[in-house]
PDB file of all heavy atoms in Angstrom:
ATOM      1  N   VAL A   1       4.123 -73.827 157.703  1.00  0.00           N
ATOM      2  CA  VAL A   1       4.440 -75.148 158.248  1.00  0.00           C
ATOM      3  C   VAL A   1       4.514 -75.014 159.758  1.00  0.00           C
ATOM      4  O   VAL A   1       5.420 -74.361 160.284  1.00  0.00           O
ATOM      5  CB  VAL A   1       5.771 -75.692 157.679  1.00  0.00           C
ATOM      6  CG1 VAL A   1       6.124 -77.020 158.310  1.00  0.00           C
ATOM      7  CG2 VAL A   1       5.679 -75.818 156.159  1.00  0.00           C
ATOM      8  N   LEU A   2       3.519 -75.574 160.436  1.00  0.00           N
ATOM      9  CA  LEU A   2       3.397 -75.451 161.893  1.00  0.00           C
ATOM     10  C   LEU A   2       3.454 -73.991 162.312  1.00  0.00           C
ATOM     11  O   LEU A   2       4.045 -73.634 163.327  1.00  0.00           O
ATOM     12  CB  LEU A   2       4.473 -76.278 162.593  1.00  0.00           C
ATOM     13  CG  LEU A   2       4.446 -77.782 162.290  1.00  0.00           C
ATOM     14  CD1 LEU A   2       5.635 -78.476 162.933  1.00  0.00           C
ATOM     15  CD2 LEU A   2       3.150 -78.405 162.744  1.00  0.00           C
ATOM     16  N   GLY A   3       2.845 -73.111 161.485  1.00  0.00           N
ATOM     17  CA  GLY A   3       2.769 -71.688 161.787  1.00  0.00           C
ATOM     18  C   GLY A   3       4.013 -70.883 161.474  1.00  0.00           C
ATOM     19  O   GLY A   3       4.068 -69.691 161.770  1.00  0.00           O
ATOM     20  N   VAL A   4       5.007 -71.492 160.859  1.00  0.00           N
ATOM     21  CA  VAL A   4       6.259 -70.796 160.559  1.00  0.00           C
ATOM     22  C   VAL A   4       6.395 -70.627 159.045  1.00  0.00           C
ATOM     23  O   VAL A   4       6.366 -71.603 158.296  1.00  0.00           O
ATOM     24  CB  VAL A   4       7.478 -71.578 161.115  1.00  0.00           C
ATOM     25  CG1 VAL A   4       8.778 -70.873 160.756  1.00  0.00           C
ATOM     26  CG2 VAL A   4       7.347 -71.770 162.613  1.00  0.00           C
ATOM     27  N   LYS A   5       6.557 -69.379 158.589  1.00  0.00           N
ATOM     28  CA  LYS A   5       6.762 -69.082 157.168  1.00  0.00           C
ATOM     29  C   LYS A   5       8.094 -69.659 156.714  1.00  0.00           C
ATOM     30  O   LYS A   5       9.113 -69.493 157.368  1.00  0.00           O
ATOM     31  CB  LYS A   5       6.739 -67.563 156.965  1.00  0.00           C
ATOM     32  CG  LYS A   5       7.157 -67.097 155.590  1.00  0.00           C
ATOM     33  CD  LYS A   5       6.106 -67.390 154.551  1.00  0.00           C
ATOM     34  CE  LYS A   5       6.494 -66.764 153.210  1.00  0.00           C
ATOM     35  NZ  LYS A   5       6.555 -67.714 152.140  1.00  0.00           N
ATOM     36  N   GLN A   6       8.066 -70.368 155.595  1.00  0.00           N
ATOM     37  CA  GLN A   6       9.264 -70.958 155.017  1.00  0.00           C
ATOM     38  C   GLN A   6       9.714 -70.095 153.837  1.00  0.00           C
ATOM     39  O   GLN A   6       8.941 -69.893 152.902  1.00  0.00           O
ATOM     40  CB  GLN A   6       8.975 -72.387 154.537  1.00  0.00           C
ATOM     41  CG  GLN A   6       8.419 -73.306 155.599  1.00  0.00           C
ATOM     42  CD  GLN A   6       9.376 -73.480 156.760  1.00  0.00           C
ATOM     43  OE1 GLN A   6      10.529 -73.815 156.571  1.00  0.00           O
ATOM     44  NE2 GLN A   6       8.895 -73.238 157.969  1.00  0.00           N
ATOM     45  N   PRO A   7      10.925 -69.576 153.855  1.00  0.00           N
ATOM     46  CA  PRO A   7      11.398 -68.745 152.738  1.00  0.00           C
ATOM     47  C   PRO A   7      11.317 -69.512 151.414  1.00  0.00           C
ATOM     48  O   PRO A   7      11.715 -70.669 151.326  1.00  0.00           O
ATOM     49  CB  PRO A   7      12.855 -68.452 153.103  1.00  0.00           C
ATOM     50  CG  PRO A   7      12.932 -68.640 154.583  1.00  0.00           C
ATOM     51  CD  PRO A   7      11.939 -69.725 154.906  1.00  0.00           C
ATOM     52  N   GLY A   8      10.772 -68.848 150.399  1.00  0.00           N
ATOM     53  CA  GLY A   8      10.638 -69.470 149.084  1.00  0.00           C
ATOM     54  C   GLY A   8       9.409 -70.336 148.930  1.00  0.00           C
ATOM     55  O   GLY A   8       9.225 -70.969 147.893  1.00  0.00           O
ATOM     56  N   TRP A   9       8.551 -70.370 149.937  1.00  0.00           N
ATOM     57  CA  TRP A   9       7.360 -71.226 149.922  1.00  0.00           C
ATOM     58  C   TRP A   9       6.148 -70.455 150.432  1.00  0.00           C
ATOM     59  O   TRP A   9       6.249 -69.664 151.366  1.00  0.00           O
ATOM     60  CB  TRP A   9       7.547 -72.430 150.845  1.00  0.00           C
ATOM     61  CG  TRP A   9       8.633 -73.362 150.429  1.00  0.00           C
ATOM     62  CD1 TRP A   9       9.967 -73.251 150.711  1.00  0.00           C
ATOM     63  CD2 TRP A   9       8.497 -74.540 149.653  1.00  0.00           C
ATOM     64  NE1 TRP A   9      10.652 -74.298 150.164  1.00  0.00           N
ATOM     65  CE2 TRP A   9       9.779 -75.102 149.508  1.00  0.00           C
ATOM     66  CE3 TRP A   9       7.405 -75.180 149.081  1.00  0.00           C
ATOM     67  CZ2 TRP A   9      10.000 -76.278 148.799  1.00  0.00           C
ATOM     68  CZ3 TRP A   9       7.624 -76.359 148.381  1.00  0.00           C
ATOM     69  CH2 TRP A   9       8.909 -76.894 148.247  1.00  0.00           C
ATOM     70  N   ASN A  10       4.979 -70.721 149.851  1.00  0.00           N
ATOM     71  CA  ASN A  10       3.681 -70.345 150.413  1.00  0.00           C
ATOM     72  C   ASN A  10       2.945 -71.662 150.622  1.00  0.00           C
ATOM     73  O   ASN A  10       2.767 -72.426 149.671  1.00  0.00           O
ATOM     74  CB  ASN A  10       2.887 -69.439 149.468  1.00  0.00           C
ATOM     75  CG  ASN A  10       3.466 -68.041 149.397  1.00  0.00           C
ATOM     76  OD1 ASN A  10       4.063 -67.561 150.365  1.00  0.00           O
ATOM     77  ND2 ASN A  10       3.309 -67.385 148.264  1.00  0.00           N
ATOM     78  N   VAL A  11       2.549 -71.937 151.854  1.00  0.00           N
ATOM     79  CA  VAL A  11       1.966 -73.231 152.210  1.00  0.00           C
ATOM     80  C   VAL A  11       0.619 -73.006 152.887  1.00  0.00           C
ATOM     81  O   VAL A  11       0.486 -72.135 153.756  1.00  0.00           O
ATOM     82  CB  VAL A  11       2.903 -74.007 153.163  1.00  0.00           C
ATOM     83  CG1 VAL A  11       2.314 -75.360 153.511  1.00  0.00           C
ATOM     84  CG2 VAL A  11       4.296 -74.155 152.569  1.00  0.00           C
ATOM     85  N   CYS A  12      -0.363 -73.818 152.512  1.00  0.00           N
ATOM     86  CA  CYS A  12      -1.667 -73.755 153.158  1.00  0.00           C
ATOM     87  C   CYS A  12      -2.247 -75.168 153.251  1.00  0.00           C
ATOM     88  O   CYS A  12      -2.138 -75.956 152.308  1.00  0.00           O
ATOM     89  CB  CYS A  12      -2.614 -72.853 152.375  1.00  0.00           C
ATOM     90  SG  CYS A  12      -3.992 -72.249 153.372  1.00  0.00           S
ATOM     91  N   SER A  13      -2.851 -75.484 154.399  1.00  0.00           N
ATOM     92  CA  SER A  13      -3.427 -76.812 154.643  1.00  0.00           C
ATOM     93  C   SER A  13      -4.870 -76.698 155.090  1.00  0.00           C
ATOM     94  O   SER A  13      -5.251 -75.722 155.742  1.00  0.00           O
ATOM     95  CB  SER A  13      -2.641 -77.533 155.742  1.00  0.00           C
ATOM     96  OG  SER A  13      -1.299 -77.684 155.383  1.00  0.00           O
ATOM     97  N   TRP A  14      -5.642 -77.734 154.770  1.00  0.00           N
ATOM     98  CA  TRP A  14      -7.032 -77.847 155.195  1.00  0.00           C
ATOM     99  C   TRP A  14      -7.313 -79.303 155.543  1.00  0.00           C
ATOM    100  O   TRP A  14      -6.710 -80.210 154.982  1.00  0.00           O
ATOM    101  CB  TRP A  14      -7.980 -77.423 154.077  1.00  0.00           C
ATOM    102  CG  TRP A  14      -7.792 -76.024 153.609  1.00  0.00           C
ATOM    103  CD1 TRP A  14      -8.416 -74.898 154.081  1.00  0.00           C
ATOM    104  CD2 TRP A  14      -6.939 -75.579 152.545  1.00  0.00           C
ATOM    105  NE1 TRP A  14      -7.996 -73.802 153.382  1.00  0.00           N
ATOM    106  CE2 TRP A  14      -7.081 -74.186 152.439  1.00  0.00           C
ATOM    107  CE3 TRP A  14      -6.050 -76.226 151.683  1.00  0.00           C
ATOM    108  CZ2 TRP A  14      -6.392 -73.429 151.504  1.00  0.00           C
ATOM    109  CZ3 TRP A  14      -5.346 -75.477 150.749  1.00  0.00           C
ATOM    110  CH2 TRP A  14      -5.518 -74.096 150.669  1.00  0.00           C
ATOM    111  N   SER A  15      -8.262 -79.520 156.434  1.00  0.00           N
ATOM    112  CA  SER A  15      -8.648 -80.879 156.821  1.00  0.00           C
ATOM    113  C   SER A  15     -10.020 -81.224 156.261  1.00  0.00           C
ATOM    114  O   SER A  15     -10.886 -80.350 156.131  1.00  0.00           O
ATOM    115  CB  SER A  15      -8.701 -80.997 158.351  1.00  0.00           C
ATOM    116  OG  SER A  15      -7.420 -80.797 158.887  1.00  0.00           O
ATOM    117  N   GLY A  16     -10.190 -82.503 155.981  1.00  0.00           N
ATOM    118  CA  GLY A  16     -11.472 -83.021 155.544  1.00  0.00           C
ATOM    119  C   GLY A  16     -11.818 -84.233 156.382  1.00  0.00           C
ATOM    120  O   GLY A  16     -11.030 -84.672 157.224  1.00  0.00           O
ATOM    121  N   SER A  17     -12.975 -84.802 156.147  1.00  0.00           N
ATOM    122  CA  SER A  17     -13.393 -85.954 156.953  1.00  0.00           C
ATOM    123  C   SER A  17     -12.595 -87.205 156.600  1.00  0.00           C
ATOM    124  O   SER A  17     -12.413 -88.083 157.446  1.00  0.00           O
ATOM    125  CB  SER A  17     -14.893 -86.214 156.769  1.00  0.00           C
ATOM    126  OG  SER A  17     -15.168 -86.510 155.411  1.00  0.00           O
ATOM    127  N   GLN A  18     -12.098 -87.304 155.373  1.00  0.00           N
ATOM    128  CA  GLN A  18     -11.365 -88.485 154.938  1.00  0.00           C
ATOM    129  C   GLN A  18      -9.859 -88.270 154.825  1.00  0.00           C
ATOM    130  O   GLN A  18      -9.090 -89.204 155.000  1.00  0.00           O
ATOM    131  CB  GLN A  18     -11.885 -88.956 153.571  1.00  0.00           C
ATOM    132  CG  GLN A  18     -13.350 -89.297 153.566  1.00  0.00           C
ATOM    133  CD  GLN A  18     -13.669 -90.451 154.500  1.00  0.00           C
ATOM    134  OE1 GLN A  18     -12.989 -91.463 154.486  1.00  0.00           O
ATOM    135  NE2 GLN A  18     -14.686 -90.295 155.317  1.00  0.00           N
ATOM    136  N   HIS A  19      -9.446 -87.056 154.487  1.00  0.00           N
ATOM    137  CA  HIS A  19      -8.030 -86.773 154.260  1.00  0.00           C
ATOM    138  C   HIS A  19      -7.755 -85.284 154.458  1.00  0.00           C
ATOM    139  O   HIS A  19      -8.677 -84.489 154.572  1.00  0.00           O
ATOM    140  CB  HIS A  19      -7.621 -87.205 152.846  1.00  0.00           C
ATOM    141  CG  HIS A  19      -8.423 -86.526 151.777  1.00  0.00           C
ATOM    142  ND1 HIS A  19      -9.573 -87.084 151.272  1.00  0.00           N
ATOM    143  CD2 HIS A  19      -8.274 -85.344 151.146  1.00  0.00           C
ATOM    144  CE1 HIS A  19     -10.083 -86.263 150.379  1.00  0.00           C
ATOM    145  NE2 HIS A  19      -9.312 -85.195 150.285  1.00  0.00           N
ATOM    146  N   ASP A  20      -6.481 -84.949 154.467  1.00  0.00           N
ATOM    147  CA  ASP A  20      -6.039 -83.560 154.567  1.00  0.00           C
ATOM    148  C   ASP A  20      -5.438 -83.138 153.236  1.00  0.00           C
ATOM    149  O   ASP A  20      -4.896 -83.955 152.495  1.00  0.00           O
ATOM    150  CB  ASP A  20      -4.983 -83.399 155.665  1.00  0.00           C
ATOM    151  CG  ASP A  20      -5.526 -83.751 157.049  1.00  0.00           C
ATOM    152  OD1 ASP A  20      -6.732 -83.559 157.296  1.00  0.00           O
ATOM    153  OD2 ASP A  20      -4.731 -84.220 157.873  1.00  0.00           O
ATOM    154  N   LEU A  21      -5.535 -81.841 152.944  1.00  0.00           N
ATOM    155  CA  LEU A  21      -4.990 -81.256 151.729  1.00  0.00           C
ATOM    156  C   LEU A  21      -3.990 -80.180 152.116  1.00  0.00           C
ATOM    157  O   LEU A  21      -4.289 -79.328 152.951  1.00  0.00           O
ATOM    158  CB  LEU A  21      -6.117 -80.635 150.892  1.00  0.00           C
ATOM    159  CG  LEU A  21      -5.718 -79.687 149.758  1.00  0.00           C
ATOM    160  CD1 LEU A  21      -4.957 -80.432 148.669  1.00  0.00           C
ATOM    161  CD2 LEU A  21      -6.961 -79.001 149.196  1.00  0.00           C
ATOM    162  N   THR A  22      -2.803 -80.236 151.527  1.00  0.00           N
ATOM    163  CA  THR A  22      -1.828 -79.158 151.674  1.00  0.00           C
ATOM    164  C   THR A  22      -1.402 -78.743 150.275  1.00  0.00           C
ATOM    165  O   THR A  22      -1.122 -79.586 149.427  1.00  0.00           O
ATOM    166  CB  THR A  22      -0.588 -79.609 152.472  1.00  0.00           C
ATOM    167  OG1 THR A  22      -1.011 -80.081 153.755  1.00  0.00           O
ATOM    168  CG2 THR A  22       0.391 -78.455 152.673  1.00  0.00           C
ATOM    169  N   VAL A  23      -1.382 -77.430 150.048  1.00  0.00           N
ATOM    170  CA  VAL A  23      -0.927 -76.892 148.773  1.00  0.00           C
ATOM    171  C   VAL A  23       0.312 -76.052 149.039  1.00  0.00           C
ATOM    172  O   VAL A  23       0.284 -75.131 149.860  1.00  0.00           O
ATOM    173  CB  VAL A  23      -2.024 -76.063 148.076  1.00  0.00           C
ATOM    174  CG1 VAL A  23      -1.515 -75.499 146.759  1.00  0.00           C
ATOM    175  CG2 VAL A  23      -3.274 -76.914 147.848  1.00  0.00           C
ATOM    176  N   PHE A  24       1.404 -76.420 148.359  1.00  0.00           N
ATOM    177  CA  PHE A  24       2.685 -75.734 148.476  1.00  0.00           C
ATOM    178  C   PHE A  24       2.936 -74.975 147.175  1.00  0.00           C
ATOM    179  O   PHE A  24       2.918 -75.593 146.110  1.00  0.00           O
ATOM    180  CB  PHE A  24       3.836 -76.735 148.628  1.00  0.00           C
ATOM    181  CG  PHE A  24       3.763 -77.659 149.793  1.00  0.00           C
ATOM    182  CD1 PHE A  24       3.009 -78.826 149.733  1.00  0.00           C
ATOM    183  CD2 PHE A  24       4.484 -77.405 150.951  1.00  0.00           C
ATOM    184  CE1 PHE A  24       2.967 -79.710 150.804  1.00  0.00           C
ATOM    185  CE2 PHE A  24       4.457 -78.283 152.021  1.00  0.00           C
ATOM    186  CZ  PHE A  24       3.695 -79.432 151.946  1.00  0.00           C
ATOM    187  N   ALA A  25       3.199 -73.688 147.242  1.00  0.00           N
ATOM    188  CA  ALA A  25       3.664 -72.928 146.075  1.00  0.00           C
ATOM    189  C   ALA A  25       5.122 -72.594 146.333  1.00  0.00           C
ATOM    190  O   ALA A  25       5.489 -72.181 147.437  1.00  0.00           O
ATOM    191  CB  ALA A  25       2.839 -71.659 145.903  1.00  0.00           C
ATOM    192  N   THR A  26       5.958 -72.786 145.317  1.00  0.00           N
ATOM    193  CA  THR A  26       7.391 -72.585 145.500  1.00  0.00           C
ATOM    194  C   THR A  26       8.050 -72.067 144.233  1.00  0.00           C
ATOM    195  O   THR A  26       7.492 -72.196 143.140  1.00  0.00           O
ATOM    196  CB  THR A  26       8.080 -73.892 145.950  1.00  0.00           C
ATOM    197  OG1 THR A  26       9.466 -73.643 146.188  1.00  0.00           O
ATOM    198  CG2 THR A  26       7.920 -74.984 144.915  1.00  0.00           C
ATOM    199  N   THR A  27       9.223 -71.508 144.400  1.00  0.00           N
ATOM    200  CA  THR A  27      10.026 -71.093 143.258  1.00  0.00           C
ATOM    201  C   THR A  27      10.884 -72.248 142.751  1.00  0.00           C
ATOM    202  O   THR A  27      11.524 -72.131 141.715  1.00  0.00           O
ATOM    203  CB  THR A  27      10.920 -69.893 143.621  1.00  0.00           C
ATOM    204  OG1 THR A  27      11.706 -70.244 144.762  1.00  0.00           O
ATOM    205  CG2 THR A  27      10.074 -68.668 143.933  1.00  0.00           C
ATOM    206  N   TYR A  28      10.911 -73.356 143.461  1.00  0.00           N
ATOM    207  CA  TYR A  28      11.622 -74.544 142.984  1.00  0.00           C
ATOM    208  C   TYR A  28      10.866 -75.130 141.803  1.00  0.00           C
ATOM    209  O   TYR A  28       9.680 -74.900 141.631  1.00  0.00           O
ATOM    210  CB  TYR A  28      11.796 -75.569 144.105  1.00  0.00           C
ATOM    211  CG  TYR A  28      12.718 -75.061 145.181  1.00  0.00           C
ATOM    212  CD1 TYR A  28      12.215 -74.546 146.359  1.00  0.00           C
ATOM    213  CD2 TYR A  28      14.101 -75.063 144.989  1.00  0.00           C
ATOM    214  CE1 TYR A  28      13.065 -74.044 147.336  1.00  0.00           C
ATOM    215  CE2 TYR A  28      14.949 -74.571 145.961  1.00  0.00           C
ATOM    216  CZ  TYR A  28      14.428 -74.052 147.137  1.00  0.00           C
ATOM    217  OH  TYR A  28      15.264 -73.560 148.086  1.00  0.00           O
ATOM    218  N   THR A  29      11.526 -75.931 141.004  1.00  0.00           N
ATOM    219  CA  THR A  29      10.968 -76.440 139.751  1.00  0.00           C
ATOM    220  C   THR A  29      10.587 -77.915 139.852  1.00  0.00           C
ATOM    221  O   THR A  29      10.933 -78.597 140.821  1.00  0.00           O
ATOM    222  CB  THR A  29      11.994 -76.289 138.619  1.00  0.00           C
ATOM    223  OG1 THR A  29      13.105 -77.163 138.898  1.00  0.00           O
ATOM    224  CG2 THR A  29      12.474 -74.845 138.486  1.00  0.00           C
ATOM    225  N   LEU A  30       9.941 -78.406 138.796  1.00  0.00           N
ATOM    226  CA  LEU A  30       9.639 -79.842 138.725  1.00  0.00           C
ATOM    227  C   LEU A  30      10.920 -80.661 138.697  1.00  0.00           C
ATOM    228  O   LEU A  30      10.963 -81.760 139.257  1.00  0.00           O
ATOM    229  CB  LEU A  30       8.803 -80.162 137.488  1.00  0.00           C
ATOM    230  CG  LEU A  30       7.334 -79.782 137.531  1.00  0.00           C
ATOM    231  CD1 LEU A  30       6.633 -80.239 136.258  1.00  0.00           C
ATOM    232  CD2 LEU A  30       6.645 -80.347 138.741  1.00  0.00           C
ATOM    233  N   ASP A  31      11.955 -80.154 138.079  1.00  0.00           N
ATOM    234  CA  ASP A  31      13.243 -80.861 138.078  1.00  0.00           C
ATOM    235  C   ASP A  31      13.784 -81.001 139.497  1.00  0.00           C
ATOM    236  O   ASP A  31      14.358 -82.032 139.853  1.00  0.00           O
ATOM    237  CB  ASP A  31      14.266 -80.159 137.190  1.00  0.00           C
ATOM    238  CG  ASP A  31      13.978 -80.348 135.709  1.00  0.00           C
ATOM    239  OD1 ASP A  31      13.272 -81.328 135.356  1.00  0.00           O
ATOM    240  OD2 ASP A  31      14.455 -79.522 134.910  1.00  0.00           O
ATOM    241  N   ASP A  32      13.591 -79.966 140.335  1.00  0.00           N
ATOM    242  CA  ASP A  32      14.016 -80.045 141.736  1.00  0.00           C
ATOM    243  C   ASP A  32      13.238 -81.131 142.470  1.00  0.00           C
ATOM    244  O   ASP A  32      13.799 -81.891 143.258  1.00  0.00           O
ATOM    245  CB  ASP A  32      13.813 -78.705 142.452  1.00  0.00           C
ATOM    246  CG  ASP A  32      14.714 -77.602 141.925  1.00  0.00           C
ATOM    247  OD1 ASP A  32      15.852 -77.898 141.506  1.00  0.00           O
ATOM    248  OD2 ASP A  32      14.275 -76.434 141.947  1.00  0.00           O
ATOM    249  N   VAL A  33      11.930 -81.220 142.196  1.00  0.00           N
ATOM    250  CA  VAL A  33      11.099 -82.252 142.825  1.00  0.00           C
ATOM    251  C   VAL A  33      11.581 -83.632 142.395  1.00  0.00           C
ATOM    252  O   VAL A  33      11.761 -84.528 143.228  1.00  0.00           O
ATOM    253  CB  VAL A  33       9.604 -82.058 142.465  1.00  0.00           C
ATOM    254  CG1 VAL A  33       8.768 -83.224 142.960  1.00  0.00           C
ATOM    255  CG2 VAL A  33       9.074 -80.748 143.029  1.00  0.00           C
ATOM    256  N   ARG A  34      11.814 -83.810 141.086  1.00  0.00           N
ATOM    257  CA  ARG A  34      12.268 -85.103 140.554  1.00  0.00           C
ATOM    258  C   ARG A  34      13.630 -85.508 141.116  1.00  0.00           C
ATOM    259  O   ARG A  34      13.896 -86.682 141.338  1.00  0.00           O
ATOM    260  CB  ARG A  34      12.359 -85.057 139.042  1.00  0.00           C
ATOM    261  CG  ARG A  34      11.062 -85.185 138.339  1.00  0.00           C
ATOM    262  CD  ARG A  34      11.299 -85.306 136.823  1.00  0.00           C
ATOM    263  NE  ARG A  34      10.097 -84.997 136.095  1.00  0.00           N
ATOM    264  CZ  ARG A  34       9.829 -83.825 135.532  1.00  0.00           C
ATOM    265  NH1 ARG A  34      10.683 -82.844 135.585  1.00  0.00           N
ATOM    266  NH2 ARG A  34       8.697 -83.652 134.881  1.00  0.00           N
ATOM    267  N   SER A  35      14.523 -84.539 141.323  1.00  0.00           N
ATOM    268  CA  SER A  35      15.877 -84.869 141.768  1.00  0.00           C
ATOM    269  C   SER A  35      15.995 -85.020 143.284  1.00  0.00           C
ATOM    270  O   SER A  35      17.040 -85.438 143.776  1.00  0.00           O
ATOM    271  CB  SER A  35      16.873 -83.820 141.270  1.00  0.00           C
ATOM    272  OG  SER A  35      16.607 -82.571 141.878  1.00  0.00           O
ATOM    273  N   ASN A  36      14.935 -84.761 144.015  1.00  0.00           N
ATOM    274  CA  ASN A  36      14.960 -84.905 145.475  1.00  0.00           C
ATOM    275  C   ASN A  36      14.959 -86.391 145.823  1.00  0.00           C
ATOM    276  O   ASN A  36      14.010 -87.113 145.506  1.00  0.00           O
ATOM    277  CB  ASN A  36      13.754 -84.202 146.098  1.00  0.00           C
ATOM    278  CG  ASN A  36      13.804 -84.169 147.597  1.00  0.00           C
ATOM    279  OD1 ASN A  36      14.323 -85.073 148.247  1.00  0.00           O
ATOM    280  ND2 ASN A  36      13.239 -83.125 148.171  1.00  0.00           N
ATOM    281  N   LYS A  37      16.012 -86.861 146.475  1.00  0.00           N
ATOM    282  CA  LYS A  37      16.158 -88.290 146.791  1.00  0.00           C
ATOM    283  C   LYS A  37      15.098 -88.779 147.780  1.00  0.00           C
ATOM    284  O   LYS A  37      14.939 -89.980 147.970  1.00  0.00           O
ATOM    285  CB  LYS A  37      17.549 -88.565 147.341  1.00  0.00           C
ATOM    286  CG  LYS A  37      17.816 -87.886 148.665  1.00  0.00           C
ATOM    287  CD  LYS A  37      19.201 -88.154 149.182  1.00  0.00           C
ATOM    288  CE  LYS A  37      19.361 -87.408 150.501  1.00  0.00           C
ATOM    289  NZ  LYS A  37      20.575 -87.680 151.170  1.00  0.00           N
ATOM    290  N   ASN A  38      14.324 -87.869 148.378  1.00  0.00           N
ATOM    291  CA  ASN A  38      13.253 -88.260 149.299  1.00  0.00           C
ATOM    292  C   ASN A  38      11.951 -88.583 148.572  1.00  0.00           C
ATOM    293  O   ASN A  38      10.973 -88.960 149.210  1.00  0.00           O
ATOM    294  CB  ASN A  38      13.014 -87.160 150.323  1.00  0.00           C
ATOM    295  CG  ASN A  38      14.208 -86.949 151.209  1.00  0.00           C
ATOM    296  OD1 ASN A  38      14.792 -87.903 151.707  1.00  0.00           O
ATOM    297  ND2 ASN A  38      14.601 -85.700 151.392  1.00  0.00           N
ATOM    298  N   ASN A  39      11.934 -88.423 147.246  1.00  0.00           N
ATOM    299  CA  ASN A  39      10.740 -88.683 146.449  1.00  0.00           C
ATOM    300  C   ASN A  39      10.967 -89.881 145.536  1.00  0.00           C
ATOM    301  O   ASN A  39      12.086 -90.147 145.100  1.00  0.00           O
ATOM    302  CB  ASN A  39      10.396 -87.452 145.605  1.00  0.00           C
ATOM    303  CG  ASN A  39      10.107 -86.237 146.451  1.00  0.00           C
ATOM    304  OD1 ASN A  39       9.670 -86.336 147.594  1.00  0.00           O
ATOM    305  ND2 ASN A  39      10.359 -85.069 145.900  1.00  0.00           N
ATOM    306  N   GLU A  40       9.849 -90.595 145.244  1.00  0.00           N
ATOM    307  CA  GLU A  40       9.919 -91.770 144.374  1.00  0.00           C
ATOM    308  C   GLU A  40       8.587 -91.982 143.669  1.00  0.00           C
ATOM    309  O   GLU A  40       7.626 -91.268 143.929  1.00  0.00           O
ATOM    310  CB  GLU A  40      10.286 -93.019 145.181  1.00  0.00           C
ATOM    311  CG  GLU A  40       9.228 -93.432 146.194  1.00  0.00           C
ATOM    312  CD  GLU A  40       9.623 -94.664 147.000  1.00  0.00           C
ATOM    313  OE1 GLU A  40      10.716 -95.202 146.809  1.00  0.00           O
ATOM    314  OE2 GLU A  40       8.802 -95.084 147.837  1.00  0.00           O
ATOM    315  N   GLU A  41       8.540 -92.990 142.804  1.00  0.00           N
ATOM    316  CA  GLU A  41       7.330 -93.392 142.083  1.00  0.00           C
ATOM    317  C   GLU A  41       6.740 -92.252 141.259  1.00  0.00           C
ATOM    318  O   GLU A  41       5.548 -91.965 141.317  1.00  0.00           O
ATOM    319  CB  GLU A  41       6.269 -93.958 143.041  1.00  0.00           C
ATOM    320  CG  GLU A  41       6.682 -95.233 143.720  1.00  0.00           C
ATOM    321  CD  GLU A  41       5.593 -95.804 144.615  1.00  0.00           C
ATOM    322  OE1 GLU A  41       4.399 -95.550 144.374  1.00  0.00           O
ATOM    323  OE2 GLU A  41       5.956 -96.524 145.564  1.00  0.00           O
ATOM    324  N   PHE A  42       7.571 -91.608 140.467  1.00  0.00           N
ATOM    325  CA  PHE A  42       7.135 -90.493 139.634  1.00  0.00           C
ATOM    326  C   PHE A  42       6.291 -90.998 138.471  1.00  0.00           C
ATOM    327  O   PHE A  42       6.688 -91.911 137.759  1.00  0.00           O
ATOM    328  CB  PHE A  42       8.353 -89.739 139.085  1.00  0.00           C
ATOM    329  CG  PHE A  42       9.198 -89.149 140.165  1.00  0.00           C
ATOM    330  CD1 PHE A  42      10.358 -89.783 140.586  1.00  0.00           C
ATOM    331  CD2 PHE A  42       8.831 -87.961 140.777  1.00  0.00           C
ATOM    332  CE1 PHE A  42      11.144 -89.240 141.584  1.00  0.00           C
ATOM    333  CE2 PHE A  42       9.616 -87.413 141.783  1.00  0.00           C
ATOM    334  CZ  PHE A  42      10.772 -88.051 142.185  1.00  0.00           C
ATOM    335  N   ILE A  43       5.121 -90.402 138.302  1.00  0.00           N
ATOM    336  CA  ILE A  43       4.229 -90.765 137.205  1.00  0.00           C
ATOM    337  C   ILE A  43       3.847 -89.482 136.474  1.00  0.00           C
ATOM    338  O   ILE A  43       3.271 -88.569 137.086  1.00  0.00           O
ATOM    339  CB  ILE A  43       2.966 -91.485 137.717  1.00  0.00           C
ATOM    340  CG1 ILE A  43       3.366 -92.781 138.435  1.00  0.00           C
ATOM    341  CG2 ILE A  43       1.990 -91.750 136.575  1.00  0.00           C
ATOM    342  CD1 ILE A  43       2.231 -93.482 139.130  1.00  0.00           C
ATOM    343  N   PRO A  44       4.169 -89.392 135.164  1.00  0.00           N
ATOM    344  CA  PRO A  44       3.768 -88.205 134.402  1.00  0.00           C
ATOM    345  C   PRO A  44       2.243 -88.144 134.298  1.00  0.00           C
ATOM    346  O   PRO A  44       1.584 -89.174 134.149  1.00  0.00           O
ATOM    347  CB  PRO A  44       4.399 -88.409 133.026  1.00  0.00           C
ATOM    348  CG  PRO A  44       5.202 -89.656 133.099  1.00  0.00           C
ATOM    349  CD  PRO A  44       4.904 -90.353 134.379  1.00  0.00           C
ATOM    350  N   LEU A  45       1.701 -86.939 134.391  1.00  0.00           N
ATOM    351  CA  LEU A  45       0.252 -86.743 134.318  1.00  0.00           C
ATOM    352  C   LEU A  45      -0.099 -85.769 133.207  1.00  0.00           C
ATOM    353  O   LEU A  45       0.673 -84.861 132.912  1.00  0.00           O
ATOM    354  CB  LEU A  45      -0.277 -86.183 135.638  1.00  0.00           C
ATOM    355  CG  LEU A  45      -0.085 -87.016 136.887  1.00  0.00           C
ATOM    356  CD1 LEU A  45      -0.534 -86.233 138.117  1.00  0.00           C
ATOM    357  CD2 LEU A  45      -0.857 -88.317 136.782  1.00  0.00           C
TER     358      LEU A  45
END
């Protein structure tokens, strides 16, 4: 993230002509993602 390693995360980003892609790998779980108050509009896939 802006060139700084985040403990517990592996992050990589790429740019495209229409959009950017970032892939985050973490030891946190889907339950952690769901319970984060900064996230909304959860849709099961």
